C-alpha atoms as a PDB file:
ATOM      1  CA  MET A   1     134.472  -0.890 180.406  1.00  0.00           C
ATOM      2  CA  THR A   2     135.187  -4.627 180.531  1.00  0.00           C
ATOM      3  CA  SER A   3     134.774  -6.280 183.782  1.00  0.00           C
ATOM      4  CA  PRO A   4     137.634  -8.457 185.343  1.00  0.00           C
ATOM      5  CA  SER A   5     135.983 -11.653 184.831  1.00  0.00           C
ATOM      6  CA  SER A   6     135.321 -10.828 181.177  1.00  0.00           C
ATOM      7  CA  PRO A   7     136.792 -13.194 178.655  1.00  0.00           C
ATOM      8  CA  LEU A   8     137.419 -10.624 176.200  1.00  0.00           C
ATOM      9  CA  PRO A   9     140.985  -9.399 177.207  1.00  0.00           C
ATOM     10  CA  ALA A  10     142.068 -13.258 177.309  1.00  0.00           C
ATOM     11  CA  MET A  11     140.638 -13.772 174.146  1.00  0.00           C
ATOM     12  CA  ALA A  12     142.211 -10.739 172.412  1.00  0.00           C
ATOM     13  CA  ALA A  13     145.598 -11.675 174.018  1.00  0.00           C
ATOM     14  CA  ALA A  14     145.116 -15.200 172.655  1.00  0.00           C
ATOM     15  CA  ALA A  15     144.505 -13.904 169.231  1.00  0.00           C
ATOM     16  CA  ALA A  16     147.428 -11.457 169.184  1.00  0.00           C
ATOM     17  CA  ARG A  17     150.053 -14.139 170.118  1.00  0.00           C
ATOM     18  CA  PRO A  18     150.093 -15.946 166.525  1.00  0.00           C
ATOM     19  CA  ALA A  19     150.323 -12.426 164.853  1.00  0.00           C
ATOM     20  CA  GLY A  20     153.003 -11.634 167.374  1.00  0.00           C
ATOM     21  CA  LEU A  21     154.866 -14.839 166.745  1.00  0.00           C
ATOM     22  CA  VAL A  22     154.694 -14.157 162.721  1.00  0.00           C
ATOM     23  CA  ALA A  23     155.966 -10.368 163.411  1.00  0.00           C
ATOM     24  CA  THR A  24     158.839 -11.983 165.481  1.00  0.00           C
ATOM     25  CA  LEU A  25     159.997 -14.278 162.789  1.00  0.00           C
ATOM     26  CA  THR A  26     159.806 -11.548 160.315  1.00  0.00           C
ATOM     27  CA  ALA A  27     161.996  -9.104 162.565  1.00  0.00           C
ATOM     28  CA  TRP A  28     164.460 -11.714 163.297  1.00  0.00           C
ATOM     29  CA  ARG A  29     164.284 -13.489 159.952  1.00  0.00           C
ATOM     30  CA  VAL A  30     168.009 -13.180 158.927  1.00  0.00           C
ATOM     31  CA  PRO A  31     169.716 -14.424 162.524  1.00  0.00           C
ATOM     32  CA  LEU A  32     166.968 -17.315 162.569  1.00  0.00           C
ATOM     33  CA  THR A  33     167.574 -18.311 159.151  1.00  0.00           C
ATOM     34  CA  ILE A  34     171.263 -18.277 159.431  1.00  0.00           C
ATOM     35  CA  LEU A  35     170.654 -20.308 162.926  1.00  0.00           C
ATOM     36  CA  ALA A  36     168.838 -22.800 160.972  1.00  0.00           C
ATOM     37  CA  LEU A  37     171.399 -22.956 158.326  1.00  0.00           C
ATOM     38  CA  CYS A  38     174.319 -23.526 160.971  1.00  0.00           C
ATOM     39  CA  LEU A  39     172.295 -26.541 162.349  1.00  0.00           C
ATOM     40  CA  LEU A  40     171.672 -28.029 158.861  1.00  0.00           C
ATOM     41  CA  PRO A  41     174.509 -30.153 158.297  1.00  0.00           C
ATOM     42  CA  TRP A  42     174.165 -31.970 161.453  1.00  0.00           C
ATOM     43  CA  LEU A  43     170.198 -32.609 160.706  1.00  0.00           C
ATOM     44  CA  LEU A  44     170.610 -34.252 157.270  1.00  0.00           C
ATOM     45  CA  PRO A  45     171.845 -37.712 156.195  1.00  0.00           C
ATOM     46  CA  SER A  46     174.912 -36.185 154.436  1.00  0.00           C
ATOM     47  CA  LYS A  47     177.145 -32.968 154.501  1.00  0.00           C
ATOM     48  CA  ALA A  48     177.043 -32.971 150.600  1.00  0.00           C
ATOM     49  CA  LEU A  49     173.039 -32.757 150.570  1.00  0.00           C
ATOM     50  CA  ALA A  50     173.383 -29.962 153.168  1.00  0.00           C
ATOM     51  CA  VAL A  51     175.698 -27.984 150.836  1.00  0.00           C
ATOM     52  CA  ASN A  52     173.399 -28.514 148.036  1.00  0.00           C
ATOM     53  CA  VAL A  53     170.255 -27.222 150.087  1.00  0.00           C
ATOM     54  CA  LEU A  54     172.456 -24.239 150.786  1.00  0.00           C
ATOM     55  CA  ILE A  55     173.288 -23.409 147.424  1.00  0.00           C
ATOM     56  CA  TYR A  56     169.788 -24.141 145.775  1.00  0.00           C
ATOM     57  CA  GLY A  57     168.228 -22.466 148.706  1.00  0.00           C
ATOM     58  CA  LEU A  58     170.280 -19.420 148.009  1.00  0.00           C
ATOM     59  CA  LEU A  59     169.344 -19.639 144.237  1.00  0.00           C
ATOM     60  CA  ALA A  60     165.648 -19.828 145.151  1.00  0.00           C
ATOM     61  CA  VAL A  61     165.994 -16.802 147.311  1.00  0.00           C
ATOM     62  CA  GLY A  62     167.305 -14.838 144.436  1.00  0.00           C
ATOM     63  CA  TYR A  63     164.522 -16.174 142.179  1.00  0.00           C
ATOM     64  CA  ASN A  64     161.842 -15.446 144.846  1.00  0.00           C
ATOM     65  CA  LEU A  65     162.937 -11.853 145.169  1.00  0.00           C
ATOM     66  CA  LEU A  66     161.682 -11.566 141.265  1.00  0.00           C
ATOM     67  CA  PHE A  67     158.667 -13.924 141.392  1.00  0.00           C
ATOM     68  CA  GLY A  68     157.568 -14.060 144.987  1.00  0.00           C
ATOM     69  CA  TYR A  69     157.898 -10.377 145.684  1.00  0.00           C
ATOM     70  CA  THR A  70     157.844  -8.505 142.438  1.00  0.00           C
ATOM     71  CA  GLY A  71     155.490 -11.008 140.781  1.00  0.00           C
ATOM     72  CA  LEU A  72     157.387 -11.614 137.651  1.00  0.00           C
ATOM     73  CA  LEU A  73     157.399 -15.387 136.593  1.00  0.00           C
ATOM     74  CA  SER A  74     160.558 -16.000 134.906  1.00  0.00           C
ATOM     75  CA  PHE A  75     161.721 -19.237 132.998  1.00  0.00           C
ATOM     76  CA  GLY A  76     165.283 -18.243 132.405  1.00  0.00           C
ATOM     77  CA  HIS A  77     167.048 -18.022 135.694  1.00  0.00           C
ATOM     78  CA  ALA A  78     169.364 -20.951 135.040  1.00  0.00           C
ATOM     79  CA  ALA A  79     171.140 -18.461 132.792  1.00  0.00           C
ATOM     80  CA  PHE A  80     172.474 -16.569 135.727  1.00  0.00           C
ATOM     81  CA  PHE A  81     173.075 -19.398 137.697  1.00  0.00           C
ATOM     82  CA  GLY A  82     175.099 -21.048 134.865  1.00  0.00           C
ATOM     83  CA  ALA A  83     177.052 -17.703 133.955  1.00  0.00           C
ATOM     84  CA  GLY A  84     178.293 -17.448 137.536  1.00  0.00           C
ATOM     85  CA  ALA A  85     179.339 -20.849 137.521  1.00  0.00           C
ATOM     86  CA  TYR A  86     181.088 -20.947 134.389  1.00  0.00           C
ATOM     87  CA  ALA A  87     182.832 -17.423 134.786  1.00  0.00           C
ATOM     88  CA  THR A  88     184.108 -18.862 138.122  1.00  0.00           C
ATOM     89  CA  GLY A  89     185.447 -22.035 136.748  1.00  0.00           C
ATOM     90  CA  ILE A  90     186.995 -20.340 133.768  1.00  0.00           C
ATOM     91  CA  ALA A  91     188.594 -17.891 135.871  1.00  0.00           C
ATOM     92  CA  ILE A  92     190.121 -20.323 138.041  1.00  0.00           C
ATOM     93  CA  GLY A  93     190.942 -23.217 135.584  1.00  0.00           C
ATOM     94  CA  GLN A  94     192.170 -21.116 132.474  1.00  0.00           C
ATOM     95  CA  PHE A  95     193.364 -17.769 134.065  1.00  0.00           C
ATOM     96  CA  GLY A  96     194.480 -19.087 137.384  1.00  0.00           C
ATOM     97  CA  LEU A  97     192.743 -16.363 139.425  1.00  0.00           C
ATOM     98  CA  PRO A  98     192.385 -16.449 142.944  1.00  0.00           C
ATOM     99  CA  TRP A  99     188.866 -18.312 144.055  1.00  0.00           C
ATOM    100  CA  PHE A 100     187.582 -14.892 145.516  1.00  0.00           C
ATOM    101  CA  VAL A 101     188.296 -13.125 142.444  1.00  0.00           C
ATOM    102  CA  ALA A 102     186.810 -15.729 140.547  1.00  0.00           C
ATOM    103  CA  MET A 103     183.569 -15.574 142.489  1.00  0.00           C
ATOM    104  CA  ALA A 104     183.486 -11.675 142.066  1.00  0.00           C
ATOM    105  CA  LEU A 105     183.902 -12.087 138.417  1.00  0.00           C
ATOM    106  CA  GLY A 106     181.163 -14.839 138.312  1.00  0.00           C
ATOM    107  CA  VAL A 107     178.825 -12.447 140.133  1.00  0.00           C
ATOM    108  CA  ALA A 108     179.380  -9.473 137.829  1.00  0.00           C
ATOM    109  CA  ILE A 109     179.337 -11.491 134.640  1.00  0.00           C
ATOM    110  CA  GLY A 110     175.821 -13.071 136.028  1.00  0.00           C
ATOM    111  CA  GLY A 111     174.667  -9.527 136.851  1.00  0.00           C
ATOM    112  CA  ALA A 112     175.461  -8.009 133.611  1.00  0.00           C
ATOM    113  CA  LEU A 113     173.692 -10.984 131.697  1.00  0.00           C
ATOM    114  CA  ALA A 114     170.645 -10.189 134.067  1.00  0.00           C
ATOM    115  CA  VAL A 115     170.718  -6.607 133.043  1.00  0.00           C
ATOM    116  CA  VAL A 116     170.904  -7.601 129.461  1.00  0.00           C
ATOM    117  CA  ILE A 117     167.936 -10.040 129.622  1.00  0.00           C
ATOM    118  CA  GLY A 118     165.947  -7.817 131.987  1.00  0.00           C
ATOM    119  CA  LEU A 119     166.061  -4.864 129.429  1.00  0.00           C
ATOM    120  CA  LEU A 120     164.798  -7.065 126.600  1.00  0.00           C
ATOM    121  CA  SER A 121     161.824  -8.871 128.669  1.00  0.00           C
ATOM    122  CA  ILE A 122     160.481  -6.419 131.073  1.00  0.00           C
ATOM    123  CA  ARG A 123     158.887  -4.843 127.904  1.00  0.00           C
ATOM    124  CA  THR A 124     156.353  -7.687 127.742  1.00  0.00           C
ATOM    125  CA  ARG A 125     154.098  -8.946 130.382  1.00  0.00           C
ATOM    126  CA  GLY A 126     152.333 -11.985 131.592  1.00  0.00           C
ATOM    127  CA  ILE A 127     153.087 -15.189 129.709  1.00  0.00           C
ATOM    128  CA  TYR A 128     154.970 -13.143 127.215  1.00  0.00           C
ATOM    129  CA  PHE A 129     157.550 -12.123 129.879  1.00  0.00           C
ATOM    130  CA  SER A 130     158.171 -15.928 130.854  1.00  0.00           C
ATOM    131  CA  MET A 131     158.444 -17.006 127.236  1.00  0.00           C
ATOM    132  CA  VAL A 132     160.970 -14.219 126.419  1.00  0.00           C
ATOM    133  CA  THR A 133     163.053 -15.137 129.357  1.00  0.00           C
ATOM    134  CA  LEU A 134     162.874 -18.836 128.460  1.00  0.00           C
ATOM    135  CA  ALA A 135     164.094 -18.185 124.896  1.00  0.00           C
ATOM    136  CA  LEU A 136     167.027 -15.793 125.979  1.00  0.00           C
ATOM    137  CA  SER A 137     168.059 -18.359 128.611  1.00  0.00           C
ATOM    138  CA  GLN A 138     168.005 -21.003 125.833  1.00  0.00           C
ATOM    139  CA  LEU A 139     170.324 -18.593 123.686  1.00  0.00           C
ATOM    140  CA  VAL A 140     172.727 -18.579 126.462  1.00  0.00           C
ATOM    141  CA  TYR A 141     172.598 -22.363 126.779  1.00  0.00           C
ATOM    142  CA  TYR A 142     173.533 -22.821 122.992  1.00  0.00           C
ATOM    143  CA  ALA A 143     176.231 -20.275 123.063  1.00  0.00           C
ATOM    144  CA  ALA A 144     178.109 -22.361 125.949  1.00  0.00           C
ATOM    145  CA  LEU A 145     177.319 -25.492 123.952  1.00  0.00           C
ATOM    146  CA  GLN A 146     178.913 -23.893 120.876  1.00  0.00           C
ATOM    147  CA  ALA A 147     181.630 -22.148 122.836  1.00  0.00           C
ATOM    148  CA  SER A 148     183.311 -25.770 123.702  1.00  0.00           C
ATOM    149  CA  SER A 149     186.938 -24.462 123.896  1.00  0.00           C
ATOM    150  CA  TRP A 150     185.887 -22.336 126.997  1.00  0.00           C
ATOM    151  CA  THR A 151     183.042 -24.403 128.394  1.00  0.00           C
ATOM    152  CA  GLY A 152     183.862 -27.893 127.540  1.00  0.00           C
ATOM    153  CA  GLY A 153     180.719 -28.335 125.403  1.00  0.00           C
ATOM    154  CA  GLU A 154     178.344 -31.137 126.334  1.00  0.00           C
ATOM    155  CA  ASN A 155     181.076 -32.662 128.610  1.00  0.00           C
ATOM    156  CA  GLY A 156     180.826 -29.421 130.771  1.00  0.00           C
ATOM    157  CA  LEU A 157     183.657 -27.521 132.625  1.00  0.00           C
ATOM    158  CA  ARG A 158     186.155 -29.413 134.065  1.00  0.00           C
ATOM    159  CA  GLY A 159     189.966 -29.127 135.447  1.00  0.00           C
ATOM    160  CA  PHE A 160     189.655 -26.803 138.279  1.00  0.00           C
ATOM    161  CA  THR A 161     189.835 -27.447 141.850  1.00  0.00           C
ATOM    162  CA  VAL A 162     190.052 -25.463 144.952  1.00  0.00           C
ATOM    163  CA  ALA A 163     191.703 -27.439 147.608  1.00  0.00           C
ATOM    164  CA  LYS A 164     192.607 -24.883 150.173  1.00  0.00           C
ATOM    165  CA  ILE A 165     191.574 -21.327 150.775  1.00  0.00           C
ATOM    166  CA  SER A 166     192.749 -18.612 152.769  1.00  0.00           C
ATOM    167  CA  LEU A 167     189.994 -16.823 154.652  1.00  0.00           C
ATOM    168  CA  PHE A 168     190.827 -13.939 156.997  1.00  0.00           C
ATOM    169  CA  GLY A 169     194.406 -15.008 157.336  1.00  0.00           C
ATOM    170  CA  VAL A 170     193.239 -18.880 158.032  1.00  0.00           C
ATOM    171  CA  THR A 171     193.888 -21.895 155.944  1.00  0.00           C
ATOM    172  CA  VAL A 172     190.878 -23.889 155.329  1.00  0.00           C
ATOM    173  CA  ASP A 173     190.817 -27.485 153.772  1.00  0.00           C
ATOM    174  CA  PHE A 174     188.149 -26.626 151.109  1.00  0.00           C
ATOM    175  CA  LEU A 175     187.860 -30.546 150.448  1.00  0.00           C
ATOM    176  CA  ASN A 176     186.286 -31.296 153.889  1.00  0.00           C
ATOM    177  CA  PRO A 177     182.810 -31.073 153.480  1.00  0.00           C
ATOM    178  CA  VAL A 178     181.833 -29.286 156.787  1.00  0.00           C
ATOM    179  CA  ALA A 179     184.539 -26.577 156.340  1.00  0.00           C
ATOM    180  CA  LYS A 180     183.140 -26.154 152.711  1.00  0.00           C
ATOM    181  CA  TYR A 181     179.793 -25.697 153.949  1.00  0.00           C
ATOM    182  CA  TYR A 182     180.421 -23.132 156.587  1.00  0.00           C
ATOM    183  CA  VAL A 183     182.835 -21.057 154.141  1.00  0.00           C
ATOM    184  CA  LEU A 184     180.028 -21.120 151.533  1.00  0.00           C
ATOM    185  CA  MET A 185     177.508 -20.133 154.180  1.00  0.00           C
ATOM    186  CA  ILE A 186     179.119 -16.857 155.038  1.00  0.00           C
ATOM    187  CA  PHE A 187     178.392 -15.871 151.293  1.00  0.00           C
ATOM    188  CA  ALA A 188     174.915 -17.054 151.800  1.00  0.00           C
ATOM    189  CA  ALA A 189     174.578 -15.098 154.844  1.00  0.00           C
ATOM    190  CA  VAL A 190     175.702 -11.680 153.290  1.00  0.00           C
ATOM    191  CA  ALA A 191     173.183 -12.406 150.515  1.00  0.00           C
ATOM    192  CA  LEU A 192     170.308 -13.111 152.885  1.00  0.00           C
ATOM    193  CA  TRP A 193     171.204  -9.864 154.836  1.00  0.00           C
ATOM    194  CA  LEU A 194     171.060  -7.976 151.658  1.00  0.00           C
ATOM    195  CA  VAL A 195     167.824  -9.324 150.574  1.00  0.00           C
ATOM    196  CA  SER A 196     166.221  -8.481 154.032  1.00  0.00           C
ATOM    197  CA  ARG A 197     167.700  -4.994 153.835  1.00  0.00           C
ATOM    198  CA  ILE A 198     166.098  -4.705 150.083  1.00  0.00           C
ATOM    199  CA  LEU A 199     162.762  -5.822 151.315  1.00  0.00           C
ATOM    200  CA  ASN A 200     162.675  -3.467 154.243  1.00  0.00           C
ATOM    201  CA  SER A 201     163.580  -0.447 152.171  1.00  0.00           C
ATOM    202  CA  PRO A 202     161.117   1.743 150.324  1.00  0.00           C
ATOM    203  CA  PHE A 203     162.378  -0.171 147.155  1.00  0.00           C
ATOM    204  CA  GLY A 204     160.841  -3.375 148.729  1.00  0.00           C
ATOM    205  CA  ALA A 205     157.512  -1.829 149.309  1.00  0.00           C
ATOM    206  CA  ALA A 206     157.681  -0.613 145.495  1.00  0.00           C
ATOM    207  CA  ILE A 207     158.239  -4.089 144.220  1.00  0.00           C
ATOM    208  CA  GLU A 208     155.545  -5.566 146.408  1.00  0.00           C
ATOM    209  CA  ALA A 209     153.220  -2.632 145.152  1.00  0.00           C
ATOM    210  CA  ILE A 210     153.902  -3.680 141.504  1.00  0.00           C
ATOM    211  CA  ARG A 211     153.195  -7.403 142.426  1.00  0.00           C
ATOM    212  CA  GLU A 212     149.850  -6.329 143.646  1.00  0.00           C
ATOM    213  CA  ASN A 213     148.645  -3.943 141.184  1.00  0.00           C
ATOM    214  CA  GLU A 214     151.036  -2.876 138.572  1.00  0.00           C
ATOM    215  CA  THR A 215     148.580  -0.296 136.983  1.00  0.00           C
ATOM    216  CA  ARG A 216     147.735   1.439 140.384  1.00  0.00           C
ATOM    217  CA  ALA A 217     151.689   1.554 141.170  1.00  0.00           C
ATOM    218  CA  ARG A 218     152.201   3.369 138.052  1.00  0.00           C
ATOM    219  CA  ALA A 219     149.229   5.739 138.812  1.00  0.00           C
ATOM    220  CA  CYS A 220     151.031   6.372 142.139  1.00  0.00           C
ATOM    221  CA  GLY A 221     154.056   7.673 140.614  1.00  0.00           C
ATOM    222  CA  TYR A 222     156.334   4.589 140.607  1.00  0.00           C
ATOM    223  CA  ASP A 223     158.658   4.098 137.623  1.00  0.00           C
ATOM    224  CA  VAL A 224     157.550   0.528 137.093  1.00  0.00           C
ATOM    225  CA  GLU A 225     159.958  -0.386 134.216  1.00  0.00           C
ATOM    226  CA  ARG A 226     163.001   0.883 135.897  1.00  0.00           C
ATOM    227  CA  THR A 227     161.741  -1.024 139.463  1.00  0.00           C
ATOM    228  CA  LYS A 228     161.231  -4.312 137.600  1.00  0.00           C
ATOM    229  CA  LEU A 229     164.555  -4.030 135.784  1.00  0.00           C
ATOM    230  CA  LEU A 230     166.465  -3.184 139.076  1.00  0.00           C
ATOM    231  CA  SER A 231     164.618  -6.104 140.743  1.00  0.00           C
ATOM    232  CA  PHE A 232     165.541  -8.522 137.897  1.00  0.00           C
ATOM    233  CA  THR A 233     169.247  -7.601 138.120  1.00  0.00           C
ATOM    234  CA  LEU A 234     169.237  -8.034 142.041  1.00  0.00           C
ATOM    235  CA  SER A 235     167.539 -11.217 141.523  1.00  0.00           C
ATOM    236  CA  GLY A 236     170.245 -12.468 138.996  1.00  0.00           C
ATOM    237  CA  LEU A 237     173.338 -11.208 141.041  1.00  0.00           C
ATOM    238  CA  ILE A 238     172.062 -13.625 143.713  1.00  0.00           C
ATOM    239  CA  CYS A 239     171.498 -16.474 141.568  1.00  0.00           C
ATOM    240  CA  ALA A 240     174.862 -15.790 140.133  1.00  0.00           C
ATOM    241  CA  LEU A 241     176.348 -15.972 143.457  1.00  0.00           C
ATOM    242  CA  ALA A 242     174.750 -19.468 143.993  1.00  0.00           C
ATOM    243  CA  GLY A 243     176.486 -20.460 140.765  1.00  0.00           C
ATOM    244  CA  THR A 244     179.809 -19.384 141.665  1.00  0.00           C
ATOM    245  CA  MET A 245     179.321 -21.426 144.997  1.00  0.00           C
ATOM    246  CA  SER A 246     178.210 -24.387 143.009  1.00  0.00           C
ATOM    247  CA  ALA A 247     181.279 -24.137 140.890  1.00  0.00           C
ATOM    248  CA  LEU A 248     183.524 -24.131 143.870  1.00  0.00           C
ATOM    249  CA  HIS A 249     181.344 -27.115 145.543  1.00  0.00           C
ATOM    250  CA  LEU A 250     181.398 -29.510 142.631  1.00  0.00           C
ATOM    251  CA  ALA A 251     184.754 -28.542 140.980  1.00  0.00           C
ATOM    252  CA  ILE A 252     182.817 -28.975 137.562  1.00  0.00           C
ATOM    253  CA  VAL A 253     180.259 -27.134 135.797  1.00  0.00           C
ATOM    254  CA  PRO A 254     177.609 -29.419 133.754  1.00  0.00           C
ATOM    255  CA  LEU A 255     176.068 -27.795 130.910  1.00  0.00           C
ATOM    256  CA  ASP A 256     172.782 -28.740 132.370  1.00  0.00           C
ATOM    257  CA  THR A 257     173.250 -25.914 134.848  1.00  0.00           C
ATOM    258  CA  LEU A 258     172.154 -23.625 131.904  1.00  0.00           C
ATOM    259  CA  HIS A 259     169.396 -26.018 130.921  1.00  0.00           C
ATOM    260  CA  TYR A 260     165.743 -24.942 131.218  1.00  0.00           C
ATOM    261  CA  HIS A 261     165.172 -27.998 133.404  1.00  0.00           C
ATOM    262  CA  THR A 262     167.021 -25.965 136.221  1.00  0.00           C
ATOM    263  CA  SER A 263     165.080 -23.001 135.819  1.00  0.00           C
ATOM    264  CA  GLY A 264     162.065 -25.255 136.112  1.00  0.00           C
ATOM    265  CA  MET A 265     163.427 -26.756 139.409  1.00  0.00           C
ATOM    266  CA  ILE A 266     163.934 -23.136 140.702  1.00  0.00           C
ATOM    267  CA  VAL A 267     160.416 -22.615 140.123  1.00  0.00           C
ATOM    268  CA  MET A 268     159.447 -25.794 141.853  1.00  0.00           C
ATOM    269  CA  MET A 269     161.578 -25.013 144.766  1.00  0.00           C
ATOM    270  CA  THR A 270     160.318 -21.471 145.386  1.00  0.00           C
ATOM    271  CA  LEU A 271     156.476 -22.678 145.089  1.00  0.00           C
ATOM    272  CA  LEU A 272     156.885 -25.681 147.221  1.00  0.00           C
ATOM    273  CA  GLY A 273     158.691 -23.441 150.138  1.00  0.00           C
ATOM    274  CA  GLY A 274     156.389 -20.623 149.862  1.00  0.00           C
ATOM    275  CA  ALA A 275     156.791 -17.886 147.203  1.00  0.00           C
ATOM    276  CA  GLY A 276     156.935 -14.400 148.822  1.00  0.00           C
ATOM    277  CA  SER A 277     158.061 -15.718 151.940  1.00  0.00           C
ATOM    278  CA  PHE A 278     161.783 -15.119 153.217  1.00  0.00           C
ATOM    279  CA  PHE A 279     162.738 -18.724 154.741  1.00  0.00           C
ATOM    280  CA  GLY A 280     160.422 -20.518 152.165  1.00  0.00           C
ATOM    281  CA  PRO A 281     163.086 -21.034 149.369  1.00  0.00           C
ATOM    282  CA  PHE A 282     165.260 -22.861 151.696  1.00  0.00           C
ATOM    283  CA  VAL A 283     162.339 -25.028 152.942  1.00  0.00           C
ATOM    284  CA  GLY A 284     161.507 -25.581 149.168  1.00  0.00           C
ATOM    285  CA  ALA A 285     165.016 -26.674 148.401  1.00  0.00           C
ATOM    286  CA  LEU A 286     165.277 -28.965 151.235  1.00  0.00           C
ATOM    287  CA  ALA A 287     161.859 -30.594 150.250  1.00  0.00           C
ATOM    288  CA  PHE A 288     162.748 -31.085 146.463  1.00  0.00           C
ATOM    289  CA  LEU A 289     166.255 -32.232 147.321  1.00  0.00           C
ATOM    290  CA  LEU A 290     165.298 -34.767 150.028  1.00  0.00           C
ATOM    291  CA  MET A 291     162.549 -36.265 147.669  1.00  0.00           C
ATOM    292  CA  GLU A 292     165.081 -36.437 144.978  1.00  0.00           C
ATOM    293  CA  ASP A 293     167.758 -38.197 147.386  1.00  0.00           C
ATOM    294  CA  VAL A 294     165.235 -40.689 148.760  1.00  0.00           C
ATOM    295  CA  ILE A 295     162.883 -41.575 145.755  1.00  0.00           C
ATOM    296  CA  SER A 296     165.776 -42.036 143.607  1.00  0.00           C
ATOM    297  CA  LEU A 297     166.843 -44.970 145.655  1.00  0.00           C
ATOM    298  CA  TRP A 298     163.562 -46.718 144.930  1.00  0.00           C
ATOM    299  CA  THR A 299     163.005 -45.961 141.302  1.00  0.00           C
ATOM    300  CA  SER A 300     164.702 -43.958 138.549  1.00  0.00           C
ATOM    301  CA  HIS A 301     161.508 -42.234 137.563  1.00  0.00           C
ATOM    302  CA  TRP A 302     161.609 -40.183 140.924  1.00  0.00           C
ATOM    303  CA  GLN A 303     160.630 -37.131 138.525  1.00  0.00           C
ATOM    304  CA  ILE A 304     157.111 -38.509 138.397  1.00  0.00           C
ATOM    305  CA  VAL A 305     156.480 -38.645 142.034  1.00  0.00           C
ATOM    306  CA  VAL A 306     158.034 -35.111 142.577  1.00  0.00           C
ATOM    307  CA  GLY A 307     156.100 -33.739 139.920  1.00  0.00           C
ATOM    308  CA  SER A 308     152.994 -35.437 141.333  1.00  0.00           C
ATOM    309  CA  VAL A 309     153.857 -33.957 144.877  1.00  0.00           C
ATOM    310  CA  PHE A 310     154.229 -30.528 143.117  1.00  0.00           C
ATOM    311  CA  ILE A 311     150.873 -30.616 141.525  1.00  0.00           C
ATOM    312  CA  LEU A 312     149.221 -31.385 144.883  1.00  0.00           C
ATOM    313  CA  PHE A 313     151.000 -28.466 146.490  1.00  0.00           C
ATOM    314  CA  VAL A 314     149.833 -26.220 143.631  1.00  0.00           C
ATOM    315  CA  LEU A 315     146.105 -27.387 144.083  1.00  0.00           C
ATOM    316  CA  PHE A 316     145.958 -27.421 147.742  1.00  0.00           C
ATOM    317  CA  LEU A 317     148.861 -25.710 149.378  1.00  0.00           C
ATOM    318  CA  PRO A 318     149.486 -22.775 147.008  1.00  0.00           C
ATOM    319  CA  LYS A 319     151.373 -20.798 149.705  1.00  0.00           C
ATOM    320  CA  GLY A 320     153.709 -23.582 150.031  1.00  0.00           C
ATOM    321  CA  ILE A 321     154.987 -25.475 153.334  1.00  0.00           C
ATOM    322  CA  TRP A 322     156.434 -22.330 154.871  1.00  0.00           C
ATOM    323  CA  GLY A 323     153.892 -19.904 153.692  1.00  0.00           C
ATOM    324  CA  THR A 324     151.196 -22.205 154.868  1.00  0.00           C
ATOM    325  CA  ALA A 325     152.607 -22.463 158.138  1.00  0.00           C
ATOM    326  CA  LEU A 326     152.933 -18.797 158.577  1.00  0.00           C
ATOM    327  CA  ALA A 327     149.303 -18.342 157.363  1.00  0.00           C
ATOM    328  CA  TRP A 328     147.885 -20.665 159.873  1.00  0.00           C
ATOM    329  CA  ARG A 329     149.838 -19.310 162.711  1.00  0.00           C
ATOM    330  CA  ALA A 330     148.727 -15.919 161.778  1.00  0.00           C
ATOM    331  CA  GLY A 331     144.944 -16.771 161.154  1.00  0.00           C
ATOM    332  CA  ARG A 332     144.321 -18.991 164.036  1.00  0.00           C
END
């Protein structure tokens, strides 16, 4: 029996506190993330930057579901982001559909595209999977480039604007950046809740088992191909939702939305924040966009600086900003 003066109970309690903090952050990750997002517009230099962090953070969340939790490195997620954005813009600008119907259509088309690309790509593994997703994504890019009567070609899709929206019977001025941010945050909050439910489900355990050891997961009876396809599709749906939000925010859809540069940016944001962590994608999006916003004021070659920072993170902080912070708290 340990004596009352023994330091062991105190040491054990002190050792348990960081793990308890990490467990608390995990248990309350959705409300805490939403709270942080609610405060974001008032902490950043501009409301437009806050909207971009919200959109690209959600885009990285969708990508993180496939890369961080399933272990599949895709270089083609710009296809789903762009498909959602283009479908929303075309539905509003050329067919005059209501904004919420256009968003639903954009998510559906992005999800359908994810199913097609997923079926073609999950047959491969490793770098071959990455290259197949990149190639198929570039096919989507060139299809949008050629269909200029629908997409605007090199000039991008223009000519649609959502000035006012009706939300739960309340008319909101969508040209007001603060109102726009909080309207879009509703959709981001629903997506975050959905991702959290997925990760807490048996399916969430299955994709993490595939990430750790695909061969062992298959030996344990998991349908690996079907699970990877479902994860790929869910990831594409969330990225398409981010694309619909981007279309409503900018009222244009640049062709670069579908370019492989956008796919690379998604990978960088996810790794900077911390792949495999829930809040990490938003931290990565914030870090990337802040560096772009600040460094571009000094030099037009801001990509060199951001790329150098990214290389340093890959070498010395592979878990990213948020992932390293969680690991440090849990391992003290």
